[in-house]
Amino acid sequence: MKNLKTNLLSLFLLSLSTFSFAQIEFGVKGGIGLSNTTIVHGVSKERFGFLGGAVAKYQLTTRNENHYLQAEVLYTNQGEYSLYKEGGKKYKAFLNYINIPIMYKYYFDDQGKDFFLEAGPQLGFKVSEKFDDGEPESDNNIPKSFDFAFNIGGGYSINRQIEFNLRYQYGLIDTYDFKKWDNGTNRSSFLTLGITYFFK
């Protein structure tokens, strides 16, 4: 896992470094989302949270303005509420991440107001955690420091400066060092609604 993490991080940094050879658009992004983690604490419901960070967008071809690669560095609130209750208390499992998605982005028009689709992998690095109000089993509360996910989404752009997007993040690896229930996988998920502003 350590080698996988190192290789993936190197690949992402290499992707980011290629931006220096062409014109880049920079921006800021904020939004809200609903996150969850399957299996680890049994039946659970989503946590409402926020996200925010920086964006860099690179045009892949000079022949048209449809194809882009977009890198983001986002601070995100993730985790879950467990429906398992002890003594009438609801259990919280909150995780906060620095996420680095690298998204391929396709605009349906060359310019102006148009829709777009996006998809790509993401590295996640846990920066903080909070478990309280119940603590069903301490063995369940050992989240990994690294997450790897895939994102897919779409949105609407206004003159390539203000953009709204809906995105779904699906975890590809276990997020907890925990024996799985029914041999399942403790996967993260995150549905977000965001707004991005590009500096012109």
N, C-alpha and C. Protein backbone atom coordinates (compact mmCIF):
# COMPACT_ATOMS: atom_id res chain seq x y z
N MET A 1 0.83 -1.21 0.00
CA MET A 1 0.00 0.00 0.00
C MET A 1 0.86 1.26 0.00
N LYS A 2 2.00 1.20 0.75
CA LYS A 2 2.88 2.35 0.80
C LYS A 2 3.46 2.66 -0.57
N ASN A 3 3.88 1.60 -1.30
CA ASN A 3 4.42 1.80 -2.65
C ASN A 3 3.35 2.33 -3.60
N LEU A 4 2.12 1.80 -3.47
CA LEU A 4 1.02 2.27 -4.30
C LEU A 4 0.77 3.74 -4.07
N LYS A 5 0.76 4.14 -2.81
CA LYS A 5 0.53 5.54 -2.47
C LYS A 5 1.62 6.43 -3.06
N THR A 6 2.88 6.00 -2.94
CA THR A 6 4.00 6.77 -3.47
C THR A 6 3.92 6.91 -4.98
N ASN A 7 3.59 5.81 -5.66
CA ASN A 7 3.50 5.84 -7.12
C ASN A 7 2.36 6.73 -7.60
N LEU A 8 1.22 6.65 -6.92
CA LEU A 8 0.07 7.47 -7.30
C LEU A 8 0.36 8.94 -7.09
N LEU A 9 1.01 9.27 -5.96
CA LEU A 9 1.33 10.66 -5.69
C LEU A 9 2.31 11.19 -6.73
N SER A 10 3.29 10.38 -7.11
CA SER A 10 4.25 10.78 -8.14
C SER A 10 3.56 11.05 -9.46
N LEU A 11 2.58 10.19 -9.81
CA LEU A 11 1.84 10.38 -11.05
C LEU A 11 1.05 11.68 -11.02
N PHE A 12 0.42 11.98 -9.90
CA PHE A 12 -0.36 13.20 -9.79
C PHE A 12 0.54 14.43 -9.86
N LEU A 13 1.69 14.39 -9.20
CA LEU A 13 2.61 15.52 -9.25
C LEU A 13 3.16 15.73 -10.65
N LEU A 14 3.41 14.63 -11.37
CA LEU A 14 3.86 14.74 -12.75
C LEU A 14 2.79 15.38 -13.61
N SER A 15 1.53 15.01 -13.38
CA SER A 15 0.43 15.61 -14.13
C SER A 15 0.35 17.11 -13.86
N LEU A 16 0.53 17.48 -12.59
CA LEU A 16 0.48 18.89 -12.25
C LEU A 16 1.63 19.66 -12.88
N SER A 17 2.82 19.04 -12.94
CA SER A 17 3.99 19.72 -13.47
C SER A 17 3.86 20.03 -14.95
N THR A 18 3.08 19.25 -15.69
CA THR A 18 2.91 19.49 -17.12
C THR A 18 2.16 20.79 -17.39
N PHE A 19 1.43 21.29 -16.39
CA PHE A 19 0.70 22.53 -16.57
C PHE A 19 1.62 23.71 -16.84
N SER A 20 2.86 23.63 -16.39
CA SER A 20 3.77 24.76 -16.52
C SER A 20 4.17 25.04 -17.96
N PHE A 21 3.90 24.11 -18.88
CA PHE A 21 4.30 24.27 -20.27
C PHE A 21 3.20 24.90 -21.12
N ALA A 22 2.13 25.30 -20.54
CA ALA A 22 1.05 25.90 -21.32
C ALA A 22 0.30 26.90 -20.45
N GLN A 23 -0.60 27.62 -21.10
CA GLN A 23 -1.41 28.59 -20.40
C GLN A 23 -2.34 27.89 -19.41
N ILE A 24 -2.35 28.38 -18.17
CA ILE A 24 -3.19 27.79 -17.13
C ILE A 24 -4.18 28.84 -16.64
N GLU A 25 -5.38 28.39 -16.34
CA GLU A 25 -6.37 29.24 -15.69
C GLU A 25 -6.48 28.81 -14.24
N PHE A 26 -6.41 29.79 -13.34
CA PHE A 26 -6.51 29.50 -11.91
C PHE A 26 -7.85 29.99 -11.37
N GLY A 27 -8.30 29.34 -10.31
CA GLY A 27 -9.55 29.74 -9.72
C GLY A 27 -9.70 29.24 -8.30
N VAL A 28 -10.84 29.55 -7.71
CA VAL A 28 -11.18 29.08 -6.37
C VAL A 28 -12.51 28.36 -6.44
N LYS A 29 -12.70 27.42 -5.51
CA LYS A 29 -13.91 26.60 -5.52
C LYS A 29 -14.44 26.42 -4.11
N GLY A 30 -15.76 26.42 -3.98
CA GLY A 30 -16.42 26.14 -2.72
C GLY A 30 -17.67 25.33 -2.97
N GLY A 31 -18.20 24.72 -1.92
CA GLY A 31 -19.41 23.94 -2.11
C GLY A 31 -19.87 23.23 -0.86
N ILE A 32 -20.90 22.43 -1.04
CA ILE A 32 -21.48 21.63 0.04
C ILE A 32 -21.59 20.18 -0.44
N GLY A 33 -21.76 19.27 0.51
CA GLY A 33 -21.86 17.87 0.11
C GLY A 33 -22.44 16.97 1.18
N LEU A 34 -22.81 15.76 0.75
CA LEU A 34 -23.27 14.70 1.64
C LEU A 34 -22.33 13.52 1.49
N SER A 35 -21.75 13.07 2.60
CA SER A 35 -20.79 11.97 2.56
C SER A 35 -21.26 10.81 3.42
N ASN A 36 -20.67 9.64 3.15
CA ASN A 36 -20.99 8.44 3.92
C ASN A 36 -19.83 7.46 3.81
N THR A 37 -19.82 6.47 4.69
CA THR A 37 -18.86 5.38 4.63
C THR A 37 -19.62 4.08 4.86
N THR A 38 -19.52 3.15 3.94
CA THR A 38 -20.29 1.91 4.04
C THR A 38 -19.65 0.94 5.03
N ILE A 39 -20.47 0.06 5.59
CA ILE A 39 -20.08 -1.13 6.34
C ILE A 39 -19.54 -0.86 7.74
N VAL A 40 -18.59 0.06 7.90
CA VAL A 40 -17.75 0.06 9.09
C VAL A 40 -18.52 0.20 10.40
N HIS A 41 -19.54 1.05 10.44
CA HIS A 41 -20.34 1.20 11.66
C HIS A 41 -21.77 0.72 11.46
N GLY A 42 -21.96 -0.22 10.55
CA GLY A 42 -23.29 -0.74 10.31
C GLY A 42 -24.12 0.23 9.49
N VAL A 43 -25.42 0.28 9.80
CA VAL A 43 -26.32 1.19 9.08
C VAL A 43 -25.99 2.62 9.48
N SER A 44 -25.81 3.48 8.49
CA SER A 44 -25.44 4.86 8.79
C SER A 44 -26.17 5.81 7.85
N LYS A 45 -26.09 7.09 8.17
CA LYS A 45 -26.66 8.10 7.28
C LYS A 45 -25.62 9.17 7.02
N GLU A 46 -25.90 10.00 6.02
CA GLU A 46 -24.91 10.92 5.49
C GLU A 46 -24.57 12.06 6.46
N ARG A 47 -23.34 12.52 6.33
CA ARG A 47 -22.91 13.74 7.01
C ARG A 47 -22.96 14.90 6.03
N PHE A 48 -23.54 16.01 6.44
CA PHE A 48 -23.51 17.23 5.64
C PHE A 48 -22.22 17.98 5.93
N GLY A 49 -21.55 18.44 4.87
CA GLY A 49 -20.29 19.14 5.08
C GLY A 49 -20.01 20.16 4.00
N PHE A 50 -18.84 20.76 4.11
CA PHE A 50 -18.42 21.81 3.18
C PHE A 50 -17.11 21.42 2.50
N LEU A 51 -16.82 22.11 1.41
CA LEU A 51 -15.54 21.92 0.73
C LEU A 51 -15.07 23.26 0.19
N GLY A 52 -13.77 23.39 0.05
CA GLY A 52 -13.23 24.62 -0.50
C GLY A 52 -11.76 24.47 -0.84
N GLY A 53 -11.31 25.24 -1.85
CA GLY A 53 -9.91 25.16 -2.21
C GLY A 53 -9.59 25.86 -3.51
N ALA A 54 -8.49 25.43 -4.13
CA ALA A 54 -7.97 26.06 -5.34
C ALA A 54 -8.08 25.13 -6.54
N VAL A 55 -8.15 25.74 -7.73
CA VAL A 55 -8.35 25.00 -8.98
C VAL A 55 -7.37 25.52 -10.03
N ALA A 56 -6.85 24.61 -10.86
CA ALA A 56 -6.04 24.99 -12.03
C ALA A 56 -6.53 24.20 -13.23
N LYS A 57 -6.79 24.89 -14.35
CA LYS A 57 -7.35 24.25 -15.54
C LYS A 57 -6.43 24.47 -16.74
N TYR A 58 -6.17 23.37 -17.46
CA TYR A 58 -5.22 23.38 -18.58
C TYR A 58 -5.92 22.91 -19.85
N GLN A 59 -5.82 23.70 -20.93
CA GLN A 59 -6.42 23.33 -22.21
C GLN A 59 -5.56 22.28 -22.90
N LEU A 60 -6.16 21.13 -23.25
CA LEU A 60 -5.41 20.00 -23.78
C LEU A 60 -5.04 20.15 -25.25
N THR A 61 -5.82 20.88 -26.01
CA THR A 61 -5.54 21.05 -27.44
C THR A 61 -5.82 22.48 -27.86
N THR A 62 -5.04 22.98 -28.81
CA THR A 62 -5.24 24.35 -29.30
C THR A 62 -6.25 24.41 -30.44
N ARG A 63 -6.68 23.24 -30.93
CA ARG A 63 -7.60 23.22 -32.07
C ARG A 63 -9.01 23.62 -31.68
N ASN A 64 -9.38 23.39 -30.44
CA ASN A 64 -10.68 23.83 -29.96
C ASN A 64 -10.61 24.03 -28.45
N GLU A 65 -11.68 24.51 -27.87
CA GLU A 65 -11.71 24.79 -26.44
C GLU A 65 -12.68 23.86 -25.72
N ASN A 66 -12.71 22.60 -26.15
CA ASN A 66 -13.61 21.63 -25.55
C ASN A 66 -12.95 20.74 -24.49
N HIS A 67 -11.65 20.46 -24.65
CA HIS A 67 -10.99 19.44 -23.83
C HIS A 67 -10.00 20.08 -22.85
N TYR A 68 -10.20 19.76 -21.56
CA TYR A 68 -9.35 20.34 -20.52
C TYR A 68 -8.96 19.27 -19.49
N LEU A 69 -7.89 19.57 -18.78
CA LEU A 69 -7.50 18.81 -17.60
C LEU A 69 -7.54 19.77 -16.42
N GLN A 70 -8.26 19.38 -15.38
CA GLN A 70 -8.44 20.28 -14.24
C GLN A 70 -7.94 19.61 -12.96
N ALA A 71 -7.02 20.28 -12.28
CA ALA A 71 -6.49 19.81 -11.00
C ALA A 71 -7.04 20.68 -9.88
N GLU A 72 -7.38 20.04 -8.76
CA GLU A 72 -7.94 20.76 -7.63
C GLU A 72 -7.24 20.32 -6.34
N VAL A 73 -7.16 21.23 -5.39
CA VAL A 73 -6.72 20.91 -4.03
C VAL A 73 -7.82 21.42 -3.10
N LEU A 74 -8.54 20.48 -2.47
CA LEU A 74 -9.75 20.83 -1.73
C LEU A 74 -9.70 20.31 -0.30
N TYR A 75 -10.14 21.14 0.63
CA TYR A 75 -10.38 20.69 2.00
C TYR A 75 -11.84 20.28 2.09
N THR A 76 -12.11 19.06 2.54
CA THR A 76 -13.48 18.55 2.54
C THR A 76 -13.86 17.96 3.90
N ASN A 77 -15.13 18.16 4.28
CA ASN A 77 -15.72 17.52 5.46
C ASN A 77 -16.41 16.24 5.01
N GLN A 78 -15.98 15.09 5.53
CA GLN A 78 -16.58 13.81 5.17
C GLN A 78 -16.85 12.98 6.42
N GLY A 79 -17.39 11.77 6.22
CA GLY A 79 -17.69 10.90 7.34
C GLY A 79 -19.14 10.46 7.34
N GLU A 80 -19.69 10.24 8.55
CA GLU A 80 -21.04 9.67 8.63
C GLU A 80 -21.61 9.85 10.03
N TYR A 81 -22.91 9.66 10.13
CA TYR A 81 -23.61 9.44 11.39
C TYR A 81 -24.06 7.99 11.42
N SER A 82 -23.76 7.27 12.49
CA SER A 82 -24.23 5.90 12.60
C SER A 82 -25.61 5.87 13.24
N LEU A 83 -26.47 5.00 12.73
CA LEU A 83 -27.80 4.82 13.33
C LEU A 83 -27.75 3.89 14.52
N TYR A 84 -26.58 3.30 14.78
CA TYR A 84 -26.37 2.52 16.00
C TYR A 84 -26.41 3.47 17.18
N LYS A 85 -27.26 3.21 18.15
CA LYS A 85 -27.38 4.09 19.30
C LYS A 85 -27.17 3.30 20.59
N GLU A 86 -26.46 3.90 21.51
CA GLU A 86 -26.24 3.31 22.82
C GLU A 86 -26.60 4.36 23.86
N GLY A 87 -27.58 4.04 24.70
CA GLY A 87 -28.02 5.01 25.68
C GLY A 87 -28.72 6.20 25.06
N GLY A 88 -29.32 5.99 23.88
CA GLY A 88 -30.05 7.06 23.23
C GLY A 88 -29.20 8.10 22.55
N LYS A 89 -27.89 7.84 22.43
CA LYS A 89 -27.00 8.80 21.79
C LYS A 89 -26.65 8.36 20.37
N LYS A 90 -26.63 9.33 19.47
CA LYS A 90 -26.26 9.05 18.09
C LYS A 90 -24.74 9.15 17.95
N TYR A 91 -24.18 8.23 17.17
CA TYR A 91 -22.72 8.14 17.04
C TYR A 91 -22.21 8.90 15.82
N LYS A 92 -21.17 9.69 16.00
CA LYS A 92 -20.57 10.46 14.92
C LYS A 92 -19.20 9.90 14.55
N ALA A 93 -18.93 9.81 13.27
CA ALA A 93 -17.60 9.46 12.76
C ALA A 93 -17.25 10.46 11.67
N PHE A 94 -16.57 11.52 12.05
CA PHE A 94 -16.27 12.63 11.13
C PHE A 94 -14.81 12.56 10.70
N LEU A 95 -14.58 12.68 9.39
CA LEU A 95 -13.24 12.69 8.82
C LEU A 95 -13.09 13.90 7.92
N ASN A 96 -11.97 14.59 8.01
CA ASN A 96 -11.69 15.74 7.15
C ASN A 96 -10.45 15.45 6.31
N TYR A 97 -10.53 15.78 5.03
CA TYR A 97 -9.49 15.41 4.07
C TYR A 97 -8.97 16.61 3.30
N ILE A 98 -7.74 16.48 2.81
CA ILE A 98 -7.25 17.26 1.68
C ILE A 98 -7.34 16.35 0.47
N ASN A 99 -8.25 16.65 -0.44
CA ASN A 99 -8.45 15.84 -1.64
C ASN A 99 -7.81 16.51 -2.85
N ILE A 100 -7.19 15.68 -3.71
CA ILE A 100 -6.53 16.18 -4.92
C ILE A 100 -7.10 15.43 -6.13
N PRO A 101 -8.20 15.91 -6.70
CA PRO A 101 -8.74 15.29 -7.92
C PRO A 101 -8.05 15.83 -9.17
N ILE A 102 -7.86 14.95 -10.15
CA ILE A 102 -7.38 15.33 -11.48
C ILE A 102 -8.47 14.93 -12.46
N MET A 103 -9.17 15.92 -13.02
CA MET A 103 -10.38 15.66 -13.78
C MET A 103 -10.19 15.98 -15.27
N TYR A 104 -10.59 15.04 -16.12
CA TYR A 104 -10.75 15.35 -17.54
C TYR A 104 -12.10 16.05 -17.69
N LYS A 105 -12.11 17.15 -18.43
CA LYS A 105 -13.30 17.99 -18.53
C LYS A 105 -13.63 18.23 -19.99
N TYR A 106 -14.88 17.97 -20.37
CA TYR A 106 -15.32 18.16 -21.75
C TYR A 106 -16.47 19.15 -21.79
N TYR A 107 -16.28 20.26 -22.51
CA TYR A 107 -17.33 21.25 -22.73
C TYR A 107 -18.04 20.94 -24.05
N PHE A 108 -19.36 21.08 -24.06
CA PHE A 108 -20.13 20.77 -25.25
C PHE A 108 -20.08 21.87 -26.31
N ASP A 109 -19.63 23.05 -25.92
CA ASP A 109 -19.50 24.16 -26.86
C ASP A 109 -18.10 24.73 -26.73
N ASP A 110 -17.67 25.51 -27.71
CA ASP A 110 -16.32 26.06 -27.69
C ASP A 110 -16.17 27.25 -26.74
N GLN A 111 -17.26 27.91 -26.43
CA GLN A 111 -17.17 29.11 -25.62
C GLN A 111 -18.55 29.49 -25.11
N GLY A 112 -18.59 30.55 -24.31
CA GLY A 112 -19.86 31.07 -23.84
C GLY A 112 -20.50 30.22 -22.76
N LYS A 113 -21.82 30.18 -22.76
CA LYS A 113 -22.57 29.44 -21.76
C LYS A 113 -22.83 28.04 -22.27
N ASP A 114 -22.32 27.04 -21.56
CA ASP A 114 -22.49 25.67 -22.03
C ASP A 114 -22.34 24.67 -20.89
N PHE A 115 -22.78 23.44 -21.16
CA PHE A 115 -22.68 22.36 -20.20
C PHE A 115 -21.35 21.63 -20.37
N PHE A 116 -20.94 20.91 -19.32
CA PHE A 116 -19.72 20.12 -19.39
C PHE A 116 -19.87 18.83 -18.59
N LEU A 117 -19.05 17.84 -18.94
CA LEU A 117 -18.92 16.60 -18.19
C LEU A 117 -17.50 16.49 -17.67
N GLU A 118 -17.31 15.75 -16.57
CA GLU A 118 -15.98 15.59 -16.00
C GLU A 118 -15.85 14.23 -15.34
N ALA A 119 -14.62 13.70 -15.34
CA ALA A 119 -14.34 12.42 -14.70
C ALA A 119 -12.85 12.32 -14.43
N GLY A 120 -12.50 11.61 -13.34
CA GLY A 120 -11.08 11.42 -13.06
C GLY A 120 -10.82 10.88 -11.68
N PRO A 121 -9.56 10.46 -11.42
CA PRO A 121 -9.18 9.88 -10.13
C PRO A 121 -8.90 10.96 -9.10
N GLN A 122 -8.79 10.51 -7.85
CA GLN A 122 -8.56 11.46 -6.75
C GLN A 122 -7.74 10.81 -5.64
N LEU A 123 -6.77 11.55 -5.13
CA LEU A 123 -6.04 11.17 -3.92
C LEU A 123 -6.63 11.92 -2.74
N GLY A 124 -6.77 11.24 -1.60
CA GLY A 124 -7.28 11.88 -0.39
C GLY A 124 -6.35 11.65 0.78
N PHE A 125 -6.05 12.71 1.53
CA PHE A 125 -5.16 12.62 2.69
C PHE A 125 -5.91 13.12 3.92
N LYS A 126 -6.12 12.23 4.88
CA LYS A 126 -6.87 12.59 6.09
C LYS A 126 -6.05 13.56 6.93
N VAL A 127 -6.68 14.67 7.35
CA VAL A 127 -5.99 15.66 8.16
C VAL A 127 -6.54 15.74 9.58
N SER A 128 -7.76 15.24 9.81
CA SER A 128 -8.31 15.23 11.17
C SER A 128 -9.48 14.25 11.23
N GLU A 129 -9.84 13.89 12.46
CA GLU A 129 -10.95 12.95 12.67
C GLU A 129 -11.62 13.25 14.00
N LYS A 130 -12.88 12.84 14.14
CA LYS A 130 -13.60 13.03 15.39
C LYS A 130 -14.61 11.90 15.57
N PHE A 131 -14.52 11.21 16.68
CA PHE A 131 -15.45 10.14 17.02
C PHE A 131 -16.01 10.44 18.41
N ASP A 132 -17.32 10.47 18.54
CA ASP A 132 -17.89 10.76 19.86
C ASP A 132 -19.32 10.26 19.95
N ASP A 133 -19.93 10.54 21.09
CA ASP A 133 -21.34 10.22 21.33
C ASP A 133 -21.67 8.76 21.07
N GLY A 134 -21.08 7.89 21.86
CA GLY A 134 -21.47 6.48 21.75
C GLY A 134 -20.29 5.55 21.67
N GLU A 135 -19.43 5.75 20.65
CA GLU A 135 -18.27 4.91 20.40
C GLU A 135 -18.60 3.42 20.52
N PRO A 136 -19.29 2.83 19.54
CA PRO A 136 -19.71 1.42 19.60
C PRO A 136 -18.57 0.47 19.90
N GLU A 137 -17.49 0.56 19.14
CA GLU A 137 -16.32 -0.29 19.35
C GLU A 137 -15.09 0.50 18.92
N SER A 138 -14.11 0.58 19.82
CA SER A 138 -12.92 1.36 19.49
C SER A 138 -12.18 0.78 18.30
N ASP A 139 -12.29 -0.54 18.08
CA ASP A 139 -11.60 -1.16 16.94
C ASP A 139 -12.16 -0.66 15.61
N ASN A 140 -13.37 -0.13 15.63
CA ASN A 140 -13.99 0.37 14.40
C ASN A 140 -13.49 1.77 14.03
N ASN A 141 -12.73 2.39 14.92
CA ASN A 141 -12.43 3.81 14.78
C ASN A 141 -10.97 4.06 14.41
N ILE A 142 -10.47 3.30 13.45
CA ILE A 142 -9.08 3.47 13.01
C ILE A 142 -9.08 3.77 11.51
N PRO A 143 -9.42 5.00 11.13
CA PRO A 143 -9.44 5.34 9.70
C PRO A 143 -8.03 5.43 9.14
N LYS A 144 -7.87 5.03 7.90
CA LYS A 144 -6.58 5.14 7.24
C LYS A 144 -6.29 6.60 6.89
N SER A 145 -5.02 6.91 6.76
CA SER A 145 -4.63 8.29 6.46
C SER A 145 -4.75 8.62 4.98
N PHE A 146 -5.02 7.59 4.15
CA PHE A 146 -5.04 7.78 2.69
C PHE A 146 -6.29 7.16 2.09
N ASP A 147 -6.87 7.86 1.12
CA ASP A 147 -8.02 7.33 0.39
C ASP A 147 -7.78 7.55 -1.11
N PHE A 148 -8.28 6.61 -1.90
CA PHE A 148 -8.17 6.73 -3.36
C PHE A 148 -9.56 6.53 -3.93
N ALA A 149 -10.00 7.46 -4.77
CA ALA A 149 -11.39 7.46 -5.24
C ALA A 149 -11.44 7.83 -6.72
N PHE A 150 -12.64 7.64 -7.29
CA PHE A 150 -12.90 8.06 -8.66
C PHE A 150 -14.10 8.99 -8.65
N ASN A 151 -14.01 10.08 -9.41
CA ASN A 151 -15.06 11.08 -9.47
C ASN A 151 -15.70 11.13 -10.85
N ILE A 152 -16.99 11.41 -10.87
CA ILE A 152 -17.70 11.65 -12.12
C ILE A 152 -18.74 12.73 -11.86
N GLY A 153 -18.95 13.60 -12.86
CA GLY A 153 -19.91 14.67 -12.64
C GLY A 153 -20.17 15.48 -13.89
N GLY A 154 -20.84 16.58 -13.69
CA GLY A 154 -21.17 17.48 -14.79
C GLY A 154 -21.58 18.82 -14.23
N GLY A 155 -21.77 19.79 -15.15
CA GLY A 155 -22.14 21.10 -14.67
C GLY A 155 -22.43 22.08 -15.79
N TYR A 156 -22.50 23.34 -15.41
CA TYR A 156 -22.84 24.42 -16.33
C TYR A 156 -21.86 25.56 -16.15
N SER A 157 -21.36 26.07 -17.28
CA SER A 157 -20.36 27.14 -17.26
C SER A 157 -20.95 28.43 -17.82
N ILE A 158 -20.65 29.54 -17.17
CA ILE A 158 -21.05 30.86 -17.65
C ILE A 158 -19.80 31.59 -18.11
N ASN A 159 -19.62 31.64 -19.43
CA ASN A 159 -18.49 32.33 -20.04
C ASN A 159 -17.13 31.81 -19.55
N ARG A 160 -17.09 30.55 -19.17
CA ARG A 160 -15.85 29.90 -18.70
C ARG A 160 -15.23 30.62 -17.50
N GLN A 161 -16.04 31.34 -16.76
CA GLN A 161 -15.52 32.05 -15.59
C GLN A 161 -16.21 31.62 -14.31
N ILE A 162 -17.53 31.48 -14.35
CA ILE A 162 -18.28 30.98 -13.20
C ILE A 162 -18.90 29.65 -13.59
N GLU A 163 -18.65 28.62 -12.78
CA GLU A 163 -19.13 27.28 -13.12
C GLU A 163 -19.79 26.62 -11.91
N PHE A 164 -20.88 25.92 -12.19
CA PHE A 164 -21.59 25.15 -11.19
C PHE A 164 -21.46 23.67 -11.55
N ASN A 165 -21.17 22.83 -10.55
CA ASN A 165 -21.03 21.41 -10.89
C ASN A 165 -21.61 20.51 -9.80
N LEU A 166 -22.09 19.35 -10.25
CA LEU A 166 -22.55 18.28 -9.37
C LEU A 166 -21.61 17.10 -9.59
N ARG A 167 -21.04 16.57 -8.51
CA ARG A 167 -20.02 15.54 -8.63
C ARG A 167 -20.25 14.42 -7.61
N TYR A 168 -19.98 13.19 -8.05
CA TYR A 168 -20.07 12.04 -7.14
C TYR A 168 -18.70 11.38 -7.00
N GLN A 169 -18.27 11.21 -5.77
CA GLN A 169 -16.99 10.57 -5.45
C GLN A 169 -17.25 9.17 -4.90
N TYR A 170 -16.58 8.16 -5.48
CA TYR A 170 -16.74 6.78 -5.03
C TYR A 170 -15.39 6.21 -4.63
N GLY A 171 -15.25 5.79 -3.37
CA GLY A 171 -14.00 5.25 -2.87
C GLY A 171 -13.67 3.90 -3.48
N LEU A 172 -12.40 3.71 -3.82
CA LEU A 172 -11.96 2.46 -4.44
C LEU A 172 -11.20 1.55 -3.49
N ILE A 173 -10.85 2.04 -2.30
CA ILE A 173 -10.12 1.22 -1.33
C ILE A 173 -10.78 1.34 0.04
N ASP A 174 -10.39 0.47 0.96
CA ASP A 174 -10.87 0.54 2.33
C ASP A 174 -10.42 1.83 2.99
N THR A 175 -11.33 2.50 3.69
CA THR A 175 -10.97 3.72 4.40
C THR A 175 -10.68 3.47 5.88
N TYR A 176 -10.94 2.26 6.35
CA TYR A 176 -10.70 1.92 7.75
C TYR A 176 -9.86 0.65 7.87
N ASP A 177 -8.97 0.63 8.87
CA ASP A 177 -8.26 -0.59 9.25
C ASP A 177 -9.17 -1.37 10.19
N PHE A 178 -10.10 -2.10 9.62
CA PHE A 178 -11.14 -2.76 10.41
C PHE A 178 -11.59 -4.02 9.71
N LYS A 179 -11.83 -5.07 10.47
CA LYS A 179 -12.36 -6.31 9.91
C LYS A 179 -13.74 -6.05 9.33
N LYS A 180 -13.92 -6.39 8.07
CA LYS A 180 -15.17 -6.06 7.38
C LYS A 180 -16.34 -6.92 7.85
N TRP A 181 -17.50 -6.32 7.87
CA TRP A 181 -18.71 -7.09 8.10
C TRP A 181 -19.08 -7.79 6.80
N ASP A 182 -19.36 -9.09 6.87
CA ASP A 182 -19.78 -9.86 5.70
C ASP A 182 -18.78 -9.73 4.55
N ASN A 183 -17.49 -9.56 4.90
CA ASN A 183 -16.43 -9.45 3.90
C ASN A 183 -16.65 -8.28 2.95
N GLY A 184 -17.34 -7.27 3.41
CA GLY A 184 -17.56 -6.08 2.58
C GLY A 184 -16.36 -5.15 2.63
N THR A 185 -16.49 -3.99 1.99
CA THR A 185 -15.43 -3.00 1.93
C THR A 185 -15.93 -1.68 2.49
N ASN A 186 -15.10 -1.05 3.33
CA ASN A 186 -15.46 0.23 3.94
C ASN A 186 -15.17 1.36 2.96
N ARG A 187 -16.08 1.60 2.05
CA ARG A 187 -15.85 2.59 0.99
C ARG A 187 -16.44 3.95 1.36
N SER A 188 -15.75 5.00 0.93
CA SER A 188 -16.26 6.35 1.11
C SER A 188 -17.10 6.75 -0.10
N SER A 189 -18.03 7.65 0.14
CA SER A 189 -18.80 8.26 -0.96
C SER A 189 -19.06 9.71 -0.60
N PHE A 190 -19.18 10.55 -1.62
CA PHE A 190 -19.32 11.99 -1.39
C PHE A 190 -20.03 12.61 -2.59
N LEU A 191 -21.23 13.12 -2.38
CA LEU A 191 -21.99 13.81 -3.41
C LEU A 191 -21.90 15.30 -3.13
N THR A 192 -21.37 16.06 -4.09
CA THR A 192 -21.11 17.48 -3.83
C THR A 192 -21.75 18.38 -4.88
N LEU A 193 -22.08 19.57 -4.44
CA LEU A 193 -22.55 20.65 -5.31
C LEU A 193 -21.59 21.81 -5.12
N GLY A 194 -20.90 22.21 -6.20
CA GLY A 194 -19.86 23.22 -6.07
C GLY A 194 -20.01 24.38 -7.03
N ILE A 195 -19.33 25.47 -6.70
CA ILE A 195 -19.25 26.63 -7.57
C ILE A 195 -17.78 27.04 -7.67
N THR A 196 -17.33 27.30 -8.90
CA THR A 196 -15.94 27.66 -9.16
C THR A 196 -15.88 29.01 -9.86
N TYR A 197 -14.91 29.82 -9.43
CA TYR A 197 -14.68 31.11 -10.08
C TYR A 197 -13.26 31.13 -10.62
N PHE A 198 -13.11 31.34 -11.94
CA PHE A 198 -11.80 31.41 -12.57
C PHE A 198 -11.38 32.87 -12.73
N PHE A 199 -10.13 33.16 -12.38
CA PHE A 199 -9.60 34.51 -12.53
C PHE A 199 -9.25 34.77 -13.99
N LYS A 200 -9.67 35.88 -14.51
CA LYS A 200 -9.40 36.23 -15.91
C LYS A 200 -8.45 37.42 -16.00
